[in-house]
N, C-alpha and C. Protein backbone atom coordinates (compact mmCIF):
# COMPACT_ATOMS: atom_id res chain seq x y z
N UNK A 1 1.93 16.32 2.49
CA UNK A 1 3.10 17.03 2.98
C UNK A 1 4.67 16.82 2.86
N UNK A 2 4.85 17.37 1.71
CA UNK A 2 6.75 16.95 1.31
C UNK A 2 7.37 17.68 2.04
N UNK A 3 8.41 16.43 2.84
CA UNK A 3 9.76 17.61 3.66
C UNK A 3 10.49 18.18 2.96
N UNK A 4 10.85 17.29 1.65
CA UNK A 4 11.99 18.23 0.83
C UNK A 4 11.26 18.29 -0.58
N UNK A 5 12.27 18.77 -1.41
CA UNK A 5 12.08 19.12 -2.70
C UNK A 5 11.51 17.26 -3.20
N UNK A 6 10.05 17.91 -3.98
CA UNK A 6 9.75 16.67 -4.27
C UNK A 6 10.32 15.26 -4.64
N UNK A 7 11.76 15.72 -5.39
CA UNK A 7 12.53 14.42 -6.04
C UNK A 7 13.39 14.28 -5.14
N UNK A 8 13.74 14.86 -4.21
CA UNK A 8 14.96 14.17 -3.13
C UNK A 8 14.13 13.65 -2.08
N UNK A 9 14.69 12.16 -1.84
CA UNK A 9 14.05 11.22 -0.97
C UNK A 9 15.04 9.99 -1.23
N UNK A 10 14.91 9.21 -0.16
CA UNK A 10 15.83 7.96 -0.28
C UNK A 10 15.38 6.71 -0.79
N UNK A 11 14.18 6.90 -0.47
CA UNK A 11 13.67 5.32 -0.84
C UNK A 11 12.61 5.51 -1.76
N UNK A 12 12.43 5.04 -2.65
CA UNK A 12 10.70 4.63 -3.27
C UNK A 12 10.18 3.65 -3.60
N UNK A 13 9.17 3.10 -2.68
CA UNK A 13 8.45 2.21 -2.34
C UNK A 13 6.68 2.50 -3.08
N UNK A 14 7.00 0.89 -3.81
CA UNK A 14 5.67 0.96 -4.65
C UNK A 14 4.67 0.10 -4.18
N UNK A 15 3.29 0.64 -3.70
CA UNK A 15 2.13 0.11 -2.61
C UNK A 15 1.37 0.16 -3.69
N UNK A 16 0.71 -1.24 -3.90
CA UNK A 16 -0.70 -1.12 -4.18
C UNK A 16 -1.90 -1.35 -3.58
N UNK A 17 -3.30 -0.85 -4.28
CA UNK A 17 -4.30 -0.90 -2.98
C UNK A 17 -5.08 -2.18 -4.33
N UNK A 18 -5.60 -2.93 -3.48
CA UNK A 18 -6.03 -4.35 -4.11
C UNK A 18 -7.80 -4.48 -3.44
N UNK A 19 -8.78 -5.28 -4.05
CA UNK A 19 -9.83 -5.13 -3.44
C UNK A 19 -11.15 -5.02 -4.62
N UNK A 20 -12.54 -5.58 -3.83
CA UNK A 20 -14.05 -5.45 -4.21
C UNK A 20 -13.95 -3.71 -5.12
N UNK A 21 -14.65 -3.68 -6.03
CA UNK A 21 -15.08 -1.98 -6.75
C UNK A 21 -15.93 -1.70 -5.60
N UNK A 22 -15.99 -0.65 -5.04
CA UNK A 22 -16.75 0.05 -4.42
C UNK A 22 -16.54 -0.03 -2.88
N UNK A 23 -15.02 -0.92 -2.55
CA UNK A 23 -14.66 -0.74 -1.30
C UNK A 23 -13.96 0.72 -0.44
N UNK A 24 -13.99 1.54 -1.74
CA UNK A 24 -13.62 2.63 -1.26
C UNK A 24 -11.87 3.25 -1.49
N UNK A 25 -11.09 2.17 -2.60
CA UNK A 25 -9.75 2.23 -2.63
C UNK A 25 -9.32 3.84 -2.63
N UNK A 26 -10.15 4.21 -3.63
CA UNK A 26 -9.89 5.59 -4.54
C UNK A 26 -9.76 6.51 -3.03
N UNK A 27 -11.21 6.66 -2.75
CA UNK A 27 -10.77 7.45 -1.50
C UNK A 27 -9.66 7.75 -0.27
N UNK A 28 -9.10 6.13 -0.06
CA UNK A 28 -8.25 6.01 0.76
C UNK A 28 -7.01 6.77 0.30
N UNK A 29 -6.76 6.35 -1.25
CA UNK A 29 -5.76 6.88 -1.89
C UNK A 29 -5.61 8.58 -2.19
N UNK A 30 -6.62 9.36 -1.93
CA UNK A 30 -6.81 10.72 -2.36
C UNK A 30 -6.55 11.08 -0.73
N UNK A 31 -7.21 10.45 0.01
CA UNK A 31 -7.38 10.88 1.55
C UNK A 31 -5.58 11.24 1.94
N UNK A 32 -5.19 9.94 1.79
CA UNK A 32 -3.48 9.90 2.01
C UNK A 32 -2.83 10.84 1.52
N UNK A 33 -2.92 11.33 0.01
CA UNK A 33 -1.92 11.58 -0.77
C UNK A 33 -2.49 13.03 -0.83
N UNK A 34 -3.74 13.52 -0.83
CA UNK A 34 -3.74 14.81 -0.83
C UNK A 34 -5.11 15.33 -0.07
N UNK A 35 -5.28 14.26 0.70
CA UNK A 35 -6.15 14.79 1.83
C UNK A 35 -7.61 15.08 1.09
N UNK A 36 -8.47 14.78 0.27
CA UNK A 36 -9.67 14.66 -0.13
C UNK A 36 -10.23 13.85 0.41
N UNK A 37 -11.94 13.80 0.22
CA UNK A 37 -12.80 12.37 0.29
C UNK A 37 -13.72 13.44 -0.88
N UNK A 38 -14.17 12.43 -1.76
CA UNK A 38 -15.44 12.37 -2.64
C UNK A 38 -16.38 11.21 -2.35
N UNK A 39 -17.59 12.42 -1.74
CA UNK A 39 -18.98 10.95 -1.95
C UNK A 39 -18.91 10.78 -3.93
N UNK A 40 -19.19 11.84 -4.50
CA UNK A 40 -19.06 11.20 -6.13
C UNK A 40 -17.90 10.19 -6.63
N UNK A 41 -16.81 9.66 -5.91
CA UNK A 41 -16.19 9.09 -6.61
C UNK A 41 -17.03 7.99 -7.71
N UNK A 42 -16.30 8.13 -8.68
CA UNK A 42 -16.85 7.08 -9.59
C UNK A 42 -15.92 5.81 -9.55
N UNK A 43 -16.13 4.83 -10.45
CA UNK A 43 -15.32 3.38 -10.75
C UNK A 43 -13.96 4.02 -11.35
N UNK A 44 -12.94 3.54 -10.44
CA UNK A 44 -11.90 3.42 -11.32
C UNK A 44 -11.75 2.98 -12.43
N UNK A 45 -11.21 3.62 -13.95
CA UNK A 45 -11.22 2.43 -15.03
C UNK A 45 -9.67 2.54 -15.61
N UNK A 46 -9.41 1.19 -15.28
CA UNK A 46 -7.78 0.97 -15.71
C UNK A 46 -6.95 1.29 -14.01
N UNK A 47 -5.82 2.14 -14.31
CA UNK A 47 -4.99 2.33 -13.01
C UNK A 47 -4.66 3.58 -13.15
N UNK A 48 -4.32 4.27 -11.17
CA UNK A 48 -4.58 5.50 -11.36
C UNK A 48 -3.14 5.16 -10.54
N UNK A 49 -2.09 6.06 -9.78
CA UNK A 49 -1.41 5.81 -8.99
C UNK A 49 -1.07 7.84 -8.56
N UNK A 50 -0.57 7.93 -7.20
CA UNK A 50 -0.44 8.96 -6.55
C UNK A 50 1.16 8.99 -5.90
N UNK A 51 1.57 9.61 -5.45
CA UNK A 51 2.91 9.80 -4.67
C UNK A 51 2.69 10.71 -3.28
N UNK A 52 3.33 10.38 -2.25
CA UNK A 52 3.49 11.35 -1.08
C UNK A 52 4.60 11.03 -0.56
N UNK A 53 5.30 11.47 0.34
CA UNK A 53 6.51 11.54 0.89
C UNK A 53 6.31 11.47 2.25
N UNK A 54 6.62 10.30 3.42
CA UNK A 54 6.98 10.41 4.56
C UNK A 54 8.23 10.18 5.05
N UNK A 55 8.60 10.84 6.37
CA UNK A 55 9.44 10.26 7.10
C UNK A 55 9.87 9.26 7.85
N UNK A 56 10.61 8.33 8.14
CA UNK A 56 10.39 7.05 8.37
C UNK A 56 11.92 7.48 9.27
N UNK A 57 12.32 7.36 10.51
CA UNK A 57 13.24 7.20 11.24
C UNK A 57 13.92 8.84 10.48
N UNK A 58 15.40 8.48 9.91
CA UNK A 58 15.96 9.91 9.15
C UNK A 58 15.67 9.94 7.55
N UNK A 59 14.68 8.47 7.14
CA UNK A 59 14.77 8.81 5.94
C UNK A 59 13.71 9.16 5.20
N UNK A 60 13.28 10.08 4.02
CA UNK A 60 12.76 10.40 3.26
C UNK A 60 11.85 9.40 2.31
N UNK A 61 11.09 8.80 2.67
CA UNK A 61 10.76 7.91 1.74
C UNK A 61 9.25 8.21 0.97
N UNK A 62 9.54 7.90 -0.03
CA UNK A 62 8.27 8.42 -1.27
C UNK A 62 7.73 7.33 -1.51
N UNK A 63 6.10 7.20 -1.34
CA UNK A 63 5.31 6.15 -1.05
C UNK A 63 5.01 6.23 -2.87
N UNK A 64 4.85 5.49 -3.89
CA UNK A 64 3.87 5.34 -5.06
C UNK A 64 2.94 4.61 -4.94
N UNK A 65 1.79 4.77 -4.62
CA UNK A 65 0.75 4.21 -4.50
C UNK A 65 -0.23 3.80 -5.63
N UNK A 66 -0.38 2.34 -6.23
CA UNK A 66 -1.31 2.58 -6.97
C UNK A 66 -2.81 1.99 -6.98
N UNK A 67 -3.65 2.32 -7.80
CA UNK A 67 -4.78 2.03 -7.38
C UNK A 67 -5.74 1.74 -8.98
N UNK A 68 -6.65 0.86 -8.60
CA UNK A 68 -6.90 -0.06 -9.98
C UNK A 68 -8.75 -0.68 -9.65
N UNK A 69 -9.23 -0.56 -10.98
CA UNK A 69 -10.45 -1.13 -10.82
C UNK A 69 -10.61 -2.64 -10.00
N UNK A 70 -11.73 -2.44 -9.43
CA UNK A 70 -12.03 -3.53 -8.25
C UNK A 70 -12.95 -4.51 -9.26
N UNK A 71 -13.18 -4.19 -10.96
CA UNK A 71 -13.86 -5.23 -11.36
C UNK A 71 -13.31 -5.96 -12.52
N UNK A 72 -14.00 -7.63 -12.00
CA UNK A 72 -13.28 -8.66 -12.90
C UNK A 72 -13.23 -8.05 -14.45
N UNK A 73 -13.79 -7.09 -14.93
CA UNK A 73 -13.24 -7.27 -16.65
C UNK A 73 -12.07 -6.36 -16.45
N UNK A 74 -11.02 -5.73 -15.96
CA UNK A 74 -9.94 -5.38 -15.63
C UNK A 74 -8.54 -5.73 -15.38
N UNK A 75 -9.34 -7.30 -15.18
CA UNK A 75 -8.31 -8.36 -14.53
C UNK A 75 -6.52 -8.35 -15.98
N UNK A 76 -6.78 -7.55 -16.91
CA UNK A 76 -5.67 -8.32 -17.49
C UNK A 76 -4.53 -7.44 -17.45
N UNK A 77 -4.42 -6.39 -16.31
CA UNK A 77 -3.52 -5.52 -16.45
C UNK A 77 -2.62 -6.35 -14.94
N UNK A 78 -3.43 -7.13 -14.21
CA UNK A 78 -2.14 -7.70 -12.95
C UNK A 78 -1.27 -7.74 -13.01
N UNK A 79 -0.08 -8.59 -14.24
CA UNK A 79 1.15 -8.60 -13.51
C UNK A 79 1.86 -7.54 -14.15
N UNK A 80 1.48 -6.45 -14.98
CA UNK A 80 2.15 -5.06 -14.45
C UNK A 80 1.32 -4.26 -13.64
N UNK A 81 0.63 -4.43 -13.24
CA UNK A 81 0.06 -3.44 -11.79
C UNK A 81 0.92 -4.24 -10.63
N UNK A 82 1.10 -5.57 -10.49
CA UNK A 82 1.63 -5.79 -9.37
C UNK A 82 3.08 -5.55 -9.09
N UNK A 83 3.77 -5.75 -10.74
CA UNK A 83 5.23 -5.58 -10.81
C UNK A 83 5.93 -4.88 -9.76
N UNK A 84 6.83 -5.18 -8.80
CA UNK A 84 7.86 -4.34 -8.49
C UNK A 84 6.97 -3.63 -6.83
N UNK A 85 5.81 -4.02 -6.97
CA UNK A 85 5.39 -3.81 -5.34
C UNK A 85 5.30 -4.41 -4.18
N UNK A 86 6.06 -3.77 -3.03
CA UNK A 86 6.63 -3.96 -1.91
C UNK A 86 5.83 -3.87 -0.71
N UNK A 87 4.98 -3.34 -0.89
CA UNK A 87 3.35 -3.48 -0.17
C UNK A 87 2.44 -3.19 -0.78
N UNK A 88 1.27 -3.93 -0.04
CA UNK A 88 0.25 -4.09 -0.51
C UNK A 88 -1.44 -3.39 0.59
N UNK A 89 -2.45 -3.02 0.56
CA UNK A 89 -3.39 -2.70 1.00
C UNK A 89 -4.43 -3.43 0.87
N UNK A 90 -4.63 -4.51 1.45
CA UNK A 90 -6.29 -5.17 1.00
C UNK A 90 -7.38 -4.84 1.16
N UNK A 91 -8.28 -4.79 0.52
CA UNK A 91 -9.33 -3.13 1.12
C UNK A 91 -11.12 -4.33 1.22
N UNK A 92 -11.55 -4.34 2.22
CA UNK A 92 -12.95 -4.32 2.21
C UNK A 92 -13.97 -3.41 2.84
N UNK A 93 -14.76 -3.88 2.54
CA UNK A 93 -16.01 -2.53 3.28
C UNK A 93 -16.79 -2.97 4.16
N UNK A 94 -16.49 -2.85 5.47
CA UNK A 94 -16.97 -3.51 6.77
C UNK A 94 -18.56 -3.82 6.74
N UNK A 95 -19.04 -2.95 5.88
CA UNK A 95 -20.91 -3.20 5.32
C UNK A 95 -21.26 -4.34 4.53
N UNK A 96 -20.75 -4.77 3.44
CA UNK A 96 -20.84 -5.49 2.57
C UNK A 96 -19.72 -6.78 2.53
N UNK A 97 -20.37 -7.95 3.29
CA UNK A 97 -19.85 -9.15 3.72
C UNK A 97 -19.00 -9.90 2.48
N UNK A 98 -19.64 -9.86 1.56
CA UNK A 98 -19.36 -10.16 0.17
C UNK A 98 -17.69 -9.38 -0.28
N UNK A 99 -17.23 -8.40 0.22
CA UNK A 99 -16.12 -7.95 -0.18
C UNK A 99 -14.93 -8.22 0.98
N UNK A 100 -14.99 -8.80 2.15
CA UNK A 100 -14.82 -9.74 3.07
C UNK A 100 -14.33 -11.03 2.57
N UNK A 101 -15.06 -12.14 2.19
CA UNK A 101 -15.22 -13.30 1.34
C UNK A 101 -13.87 -12.84 0.56
N UNK A 102 -14.09 -11.92 -0.46
CA UNK A 102 -13.10 -12.35 -1.72
C UNK A 102 -11.87 -11.77 -1.74
N UNK A 103 -11.60 -11.36 0.26
CA UNK A 103 -10.22 -11.02 -0.04
C UNK A 103 -9.04 -12.01 0.17
N UNK A 104 -9.69 -13.47 0.43
CA UNK A 104 -8.82 -14.57 0.08
C UNK A 104 -8.32 -14.74 -1.26
N UNK A 105 -9.04 -14.10 -2.33
CA UNK A 105 -8.98 -14.46 -3.67
C UNK A 105 -7.94 -13.55 -4.13
N UNK A 106 -8.28 -12.19 -3.56
CA UNK A 106 -7.40 -11.25 -3.72
C UNK A 106 -5.55 -11.32 -3.00
N UNK A 107 -5.59 -12.09 -1.93
CA UNK A 107 -4.45 -12.31 -1.23
C UNK A 107 -3.70 -13.09 -2.22
N UNK A 108 -4.54 -14.15 -2.92
CA UNK A 108 -4.02 -15.46 -3.55
C UNK A 108 -3.44 -14.73 -4.99
N UNK A 109 -4.30 -13.85 -5.51
CA UNK A 109 -3.62 -13.00 -6.86
C UNK A 109 -1.99 -12.46 -6.08
N UNK A 110 -2.44 -11.73 -5.08
CA UNK A 110 -1.47 -10.64 -4.79
C UNK A 110 0.12 -11.67 -4.90
N UNK A 111 -0.52 -12.47 -3.76
CA UNK A 111 1.14 -13.52 -3.61
C UNK A 111 1.86 -14.22 -5.03
N UNK A 112 0.46 -14.72 -6.05
CA UNK A 112 0.91 -15.00 -7.08
C UNK A 112 2.03 -14.20 -7.88
N UNK A 113 1.82 -12.93 -7.86
CA UNK A 113 2.09 -11.79 -8.52
C UNK A 113 3.67 -11.13 -7.75
N UNK A 114 3.69 -11.18 -6.74
CA UNK A 114 4.35 -10.64 -5.83
C UNK A 114 5.60 -11.60 -5.08
N UNK A 115 6.43 -10.86 -4.07
CA UNK A 115 7.24 -11.70 -3.68
C UNK A 115 7.41 -12.01 -2.44
N UNK A 116 7.61 -12.70 -1.72
CA UNK A 116 7.07 -13.26 -0.42
C UNK A 116 7.60 -12.53 0.53
N UNK A 117 8.23 -11.49 0.64
CA UNK A 117 8.18 -10.79 1.86
C UNK A 117 7.67 -9.26 1.50
N UNK A 118 6.47 -9.36 0.31
CA UNK A 118 5.71 -8.24 0.61
C UNK A 118 5.18 -7.46 2.28
N UNK A 119 4.78 -6.58 2.07
CA UNK A 119 4.01 -6.25 3.53
C UNK A 119 2.81 -6.39 3.08
N UNK A 120 1.81 -6.49 4.17
CA UNK A 120 0.10 -6.65 3.43
C UNK A 120 -0.64 -6.65 4.82
N UNK A 121 -1.39 -5.13 4.46
CA UNK A 121 -2.30 -4.69 5.59
C UNK A 121 -3.74 -4.77 5.00
N UNK A 122 -4.27 -5.87 6.19
CA UNK A 122 -5.88 -5.64 5.40
C UNK A 122 -6.32 -4.79 5.96
N UNK A 123 -7.58 -4.34 5.33
CA UNK A 123 -7.81 -2.67 5.54
C UNK A 123 -9.66 -2.99 5.28
N UNK A 124 -9.97 -2.98 6.57
CA UNK A 124 -11.50 -2.73 6.57
C UNK A 124 -11.97 -1.09 6.72
N UNK A 125 -12.19 -0.90 5.61
CA UNK A 125 -12.67 0.63 5.28
C UNK A 125 -14.39 1.10 5.44
N UNK A 126 -14.60 1.89 5.79
CA UNK A 126 -15.72 2.81 5.62
C UNK A 126 -16.13 2.11 7.10
N UNK A 127 -15.49 2.31 8.49
CA UNK A 127 -15.71 2.37 9.64
C UNK A 127 -16.71 3.30 10.04
N UNK A 128 -16.95 4.27 9.25
CA UNK A 128 -18.15 5.02 9.73
C UNK A 128 -19.36 4.53 9.97
N UNK A 129 -20.04 3.89 9.22
CA UNK A 129 -21.01 3.28 8.88
C UNK A 129 -21.26 1.82 9.94
N UNK A 130 -21.21 2.84 11.40
CA UNK A 130 -20.93 1.65 12.36
C UNK A 130 -22.38 0.73 12.44
N UNK A 131 -23.29 1.58 12.09
CA UNK A 131 -24.60 0.60 12.41
C UNK A 131 -24.98 -0.18 10.89
N UNK A 132 -24.18 -0.33 10.23
CA UNK A 132 -24.61 -1.17 9.03
C UNK A 132 -23.09 -2.58 9.26
N UNK A 133 -22.62 -2.32 10.18
CA UNK A 133 -21.48 -3.62 10.64
C UNK A 133 -21.82 -4.62 10.09
N UNK A 134 -21.08 -5.33 8.96
CA UNK A 134 -21.49 -7.09 8.83
C UNK A 134 -20.54 -7.84 9.47
N UNK A 135 -19.50 -7.31 9.42
CA UNK A 135 -18.12 -7.61 9.54
C UNK A 135 -17.15 -7.33 10.80
N UNK A 136 -17.10 -8.70 11.89
CA UNK A 136 -16.37 -8.43 13.17
C UNK A 136 -15.32 -8.11 12.73
N UNK A 137 -14.71 -6.82 13.65
CA UNK A 137 -13.25 -6.89 13.91
C UNK A 137 -12.44 -7.61 14.20
N UNK A 138 -13.14 -8.53 15.67
CA UNK A 138 -12.12 -9.59 15.74
C UNK A 138 -12.11 -10.67 14.92
N UNK A 139 -13.00 -11.03 14.08
CA UNK A 139 -12.89 -11.77 12.99
C UNK A 139 -11.70 -11.71 11.56
N UNK A 140 -12.22 -10.34 11.65
CA UNK A 140 -11.34 -9.57 10.10
C UNK A 140 -9.70 -9.65 11.21
N UNK A 141 -9.52 -9.48 12.37
CA UNK A 141 -8.27 -9.54 13.21
C UNK A 141 -7.70 -10.55 13.20
N UNK A 142 -8.37 -11.82 13.16
CA UNK A 142 -8.24 -13.35 13.40
C UNK A 142 -7.68 -13.36 11.96
N UNK A 143 -8.33 -13.62 10.96
CA UNK A 143 -8.37 -13.67 9.27
C UNK A 143 -7.00 -12.81 9.05
N UNK A 144 -6.49 -11.87 9.93
CA UNK A 144 -5.16 -10.86 9.63
C UNK A 144 -4.28 -11.74 9.53
N UNK A 145 -4.08 -12.17 10.90
CA UNK A 145 -2.90 -12.65 11.61
C UNK A 145 -2.72 -14.26 11.34
N UNK A 146 -4.04 -14.67 10.63
CA UNK A 146 -3.99 -16.15 9.99
C UNK A 146 -2.94 -16.11 8.77
N UNK A 147 -3.13 -14.85 7.94
CA UNK A 147 -2.35 -14.65 6.79
C UNK A 147 -1.08 -13.90 7.04
N UNK A 148 -1.02 -14.00 8.26
CA UNK A 148 0.76 -13.00 8.43
C UNK A 148 0.41 -12.01 7.91
N UNK A 149 -0.98 -10.95 7.60
CA UNK A 149 -1.00 -9.83 7.32
C UNK A 149 -1.11 -8.73 8.76
N UNK A 150 -0.95 -7.29 8.23
CA UNK A 150 -1.66 -6.11 9.46
C UNK A 150 -2.50 -5.84 9.05
N UNK A 151 -3.22 -5.25 10.41
CA UNK A 151 -4.58 -4.95 9.84
C UNK A 151 -5.25 -3.71 10.80
N UNK A 152 -5.54 -3.05 10.19
CA UNK A 152 -6.57 -1.79 10.53
C UNK A 152 -7.76 -1.43 10.20
N UNK A 153 -9.06 -0.89 10.91
CA UNK A 153 -10.01 -0.34 10.49
C UNK A 153 -9.82 1.13 9.90
N UNK A 154 -10.23 1.50 8.65
CA UNK A 154 -10.34 2.85 8.52
C UNK A 154 -11.82 3.45 8.09
N UNK A 155 -11.50 4.77 7.75
CA UNK A 155 -12.59 5.55 7.46
C UNK A 155 -12.02 6.69 6.86
N UNK A 156 -12.21 6.35 4.96
CA UNK A 156 -11.59 7.41 4.15
C UNK A 156 -12.70 8.72 4.69
N UNK A 157 -13.58 8.71 4.71
CA UNK A 157 -14.70 9.61 5.04
C UNK A 157 -14.50 10.56 6.44
N UNK A 158 -13.93 10.00 7.46
CA UNK A 158 -13.68 10.46 8.76
C UNK A 158 -12.72 11.15 8.88
N UNK A 159 -11.41 9.99 7.68
CA UNK A 159 -10.22 10.48 7.86
C UNK A 159 -9.74 9.65 9.17
N UNK A 160 -10.48 8.78 9.56
CA UNK A 160 -9.89 8.09 10.55
C UNK A 160 -9.00 6.76 10.37
N UNK A 161 -7.63 6.83 10.79
CA UNK A 161 -6.73 5.72 10.41
C UNK A 161 -6.32 5.56 9.20
N UNK A 162 -6.41 6.27 7.88
CA UNK A 162 -5.92 6.46 7.04
C UNK A 162 -4.45 6.43 7.25
N UNK A 163 -3.94 7.26 7.61
CA UNK A 163 -2.62 8.09 7.39
C UNK A 163 -1.73 6.99 8.48
N UNK A 164 -2.25 6.06 9.43
CA UNK A 164 -1.76 5.13 10.12
C UNK A 164 -1.46 4.05 9.21
N UNK A 165 -2.63 3.54 8.98
CA UNK A 165 -2.34 2.32 7.56
C UNK A 165 -1.26 2.63 6.85
N UNK A 166 -1.10 3.74 5.66
CA UNK A 166 -0.59 4.04 4.84
C UNK A 166 0.91 3.87 5.61
N UNK A 167 0.71 4.41 6.70
CA UNK A 167 2.52 5.25 7.58
C UNK A 167 3.01 3.82 7.78
N UNK A 168 1.81 2.66 8.36
CA UNK A 168 2.70 1.49 9.16
C UNK A 168 3.05 0.63 7.78
N UNK A 169 2.56 0.74 7.03
CA UNK A 169 2.84 -0.40 5.74
C UNK A 169 4.01 0.20 5.27
N UNK A 170 4.56 1.69 4.89
CA UNK A 170 5.78 2.16 4.50
C UNK A 170 6.85 1.53 5.56
N UNK A 171 6.75 1.95 6.81
CA UNK A 171 7.38 1.58 8.10
C UNK A 171 7.98 0.33 7.96
N UNK A 172 6.99 -0.49 7.94
CA UNK A 172 7.17 -2.14 7.62
C UNK A 172 8.01 -2.55 6.34
N UNK A 173 8.02 -1.72 5.48
CA UNK A 173 8.36 -2.08 3.75
C UNK A 173 10.01 -1.95 4.49
N UNK A 174 10.52 -0.32 5.40
CA UNK A 174 11.24 0.36 5.21
C UNK A 174 12.22 -1.03 6.36
N UNK A 175 12.02 -1.35 7.17
CA UNK A 175 12.10 -2.53 8.15
C UNK A 175 12.70 -3.73 7.50
N UNK A 176 12.00 -4.34 6.66
CA UNK A 176 12.28 -5.17 5.90
C UNK A 176 13.74 -4.90 4.84
N UNK A 177 13.52 -3.78 4.32
CA UNK A 177 14.57 -3.46 3.19
C UNK A 177 16.25 -3.27 4.31
N UNK A 178 15.73 -2.93 5.89
CA UNK A 178 17.51 -2.50 6.58
C UNK A 178 17.54 -3.64 7.26
N UNK A 179 16.52 -4.49 7.08
CA UNK A 179 16.70 -6.15 8.06
C UNK A 179 17.69 -7.13 6.61
N UNK A 180 17.28 -6.95 5.53
CA UNK A 180 17.86 -7.34 4.35
C UNK A 180 19.38 -6.72 4.05
N UNK A 181 19.52 -5.72 4.31
CA UNK A 181 20.36 -4.58 4.20
C UNK A 181 21.79 -5.11 5.93
N UNK A 182 21.27 -5.12 6.75
CA UNK A 182 22.24 -5.87 8.09
C UNK A 182 22.42 -7.47 7.49
N UNK A 183 21.46 -8.20 6.91
CA UNK A 183 22.10 -9.71 6.67
C UNK A 183 22.49 -9.40 5.84
N UNK A 184 22.34 -8.29 4.52
CA UNK A 184 23.83 -8.67 3.59
C UNK A 184 25.08 -7.96 4.00
N UNK A 185 24.99 -7.71 5.42
CA UNK A 185 26.08 -7.15 6.13
C UNK A 185 26.88 -5.65 5.73
N UNK A 186 25.83 -5.11 5.10
CA UNK A 186 25.28 -3.50 4.79
C UNK A 186 25.20 -3.11 6.00
N UNK A 187 25.76 -1.20 6.12
CA UNK A 187 24.91 -0.63 7.09
C UNK A 187 24.00 0.10 6.35
N UNK A 188 22.41 -0.15 6.88
CA UNK A 188 21.50 0.18 6.24
C UNK A 188 22.27 2.16 6.10
N UNK A 189 22.42 2.59 6.79
CA UNK A 189 23.21 4.34 6.65
C UNK A 189 23.67 4.26 5.29
N UNK A 190 24.26 3.04 5.13
CA UNK A 190 25.70 3.59 4.37
C UNK A 190 25.68 3.16 2.63
N UNK A 191 24.06 2.84 2.74
CA UNK A 191 24.28 2.19 1.34
C UNK A 191 24.26 3.16 -0.06
N UNK A 192 24.66 2.60 -0.68
CA UNK A 192 25.18 3.46 -1.78
C UNK A 192 23.75 4.02 -2.61
N UNK A 193 23.59 5.39 -2.76
CA UNK A 193 22.61 6.14 -3.29
C UNK A 193 22.66 5.58 -4.60
N UNK A 194 20.96 5.15 -4.94
CA UNK A 194 21.07 4.56 -6.42
C UNK A 194 21.13 2.83 -6.57
N UNK A 195 20.95 2.56 -5.62
CA UNK A 195 21.34 1.12 -5.08
C UNK A 195 19.69 0.23 -5.19
N UNK A 196 19.93 -0.18 -6.69
CA UNK A 196 18.14 -0.84 -6.48
C UNK A 196 17.83 -2.20 -5.31
N UNK A 197 16.72 -2.34 -4.27
CA UNK A 197 16.48 -2.60 -3.04
C UNK A 197 16.22 -3.94 -3.78
N UNK A 198 16.51 -4.90 -3.34
CA UNK A 198 15.67 -5.73 -3.72
C UNK A 198 14.74 -6.68 -2.53
N UNK A 199 13.55 -5.57 -2.41
CA UNK A 199 12.25 -6.31 -1.57
C UNK A 199 12.05 -7.71 -2.84
N UNK A 200 11.74 -7.76 -3.53
CA UNK A 200 11.08 -8.66 -4.21
C UNK A 200 11.64 -8.84 -5.59
N UNK A 201 11.77 -9.92 -6.19
CA UNK A 201 12.33 -10.36 -7.12
C UNK A 201 11.70 -9.93 -8.54
N UNK A 202 10.50 -9.45 -8.72
CA UNK A 202 9.94 -9.62 -10.24
C UNK A 202 9.91 -8.55 -10.53
N UNK A 203 10.95 -7.81 -11.25
CA UNK A 203 10.98 -6.50 -11.86
C UNK A 203 10.92 -6.04 -10.72
N UNK A 204 11.99 -5.49 -9.79
CA UNK A 204 11.12 -4.41 -8.43
C UNK A 204 11.39 -3.09 -9.38
N UNK A 205 10.81 -2.32 -8.88
CA UNK A 205 10.33 -1.09 -9.24
C UNK A 205 10.97 -0.13 -8.08
N UNK A 206 11.12 -0.78 -6.84
CA UNK A 206 11.21 0.33 -5.75
C UNK A 206 12.55 0.34 -5.84
N UNK A 207 13.23 1.65 -5.25
CA UNK A 207 14.46 1.80 -5.42
C UNK A 207 14.88 3.06 -4.56
N UNK A 208 16.50 3.00 -4.26
CA UNK A 208 16.92 3.94 -3.55
C UNK A 208 17.43 5.37 -4.42
N UNK A 209 16.82 6.32 -4.30
CA UNK A 209 16.89 7.87 -4.93
C UNK A 209 18.70 7.75 -5.60
N UNK A 210 19.08 8.09 -6.61
CA UNK A 210 20.11 8.69 -6.95
C UNK A 210 20.49 9.77 -6.41
N UNK A 211 21.86 9.69 -6.29
CA UNK A 211 21.98 11.44 -5.61
C UNK A 211 22.43 12.24 -6.95
N UNK A 212 21.92 13.37 -7.04
CA UNK A 212 22.17 14.17 -7.63
C UNK A 212 21.81 13.81 -9.42
N UNK A 213 20.62 13.13 -9.43
CA UNK A 213 20.46 12.50 -10.93
C UNK A 213 19.52 13.76 -11.44
N UNK A 214 18.72 14.45 -10.81
CA UNK A 214 17.80 14.98 -11.08
C UNK A 214 17.95 16.60 -11.13
N UNK A 215 18.99 16.97 -10.97
CA UNK A 215 19.45 18.58 -10.65
C UNK A 215 19.23 19.24 -11.85
N UNK A 216 18.78 20.13 -12.08
CA UNK A 216 18.59 21.27 -13.02
C UNK A 216 19.11 21.63 -13.48
């Protein structure tokens, strides 16, 4: 649901979805951006992204969410994929223990390619399959605290917590940005339009929208 014209936003934040193949990254993306879910979804090949704008406090934040194949053979895309990301959802499947075990490797790769300020949320997806649960919620919560990450269990199928997970990540990114502005002595409300917000240092693509740049 766009609050204003599609090109009218205050901040643009790039968020990446990572995790093993088949954990439901693409369905989380389609549920959040289009409110769609497909039981027939095929493995993502390469990279795709979708956008959606939400309101945080009095700002319109446009999220550009990137989804990639979780398979090893597409690993060559990593640095371009991570470049400029200021938030990440690291996804596992609550019914497949190996997808949770691999989170550590995904986190290492993420941190190798992004700025230390990146907002990370651990997401246990497929929470609707309660009878097949293989990962205890408390264990996952404990792990996320140790890794200094947020944590949420979601179900793209039942649309449970999907909105909350993305909104929380975007809100936390906005807080990091506001805090950096305050530390720099800027009033976040007075940030000049068009100024790039350096949440990260590695070729940051997330930026504040230029005023009037896109009027036809």
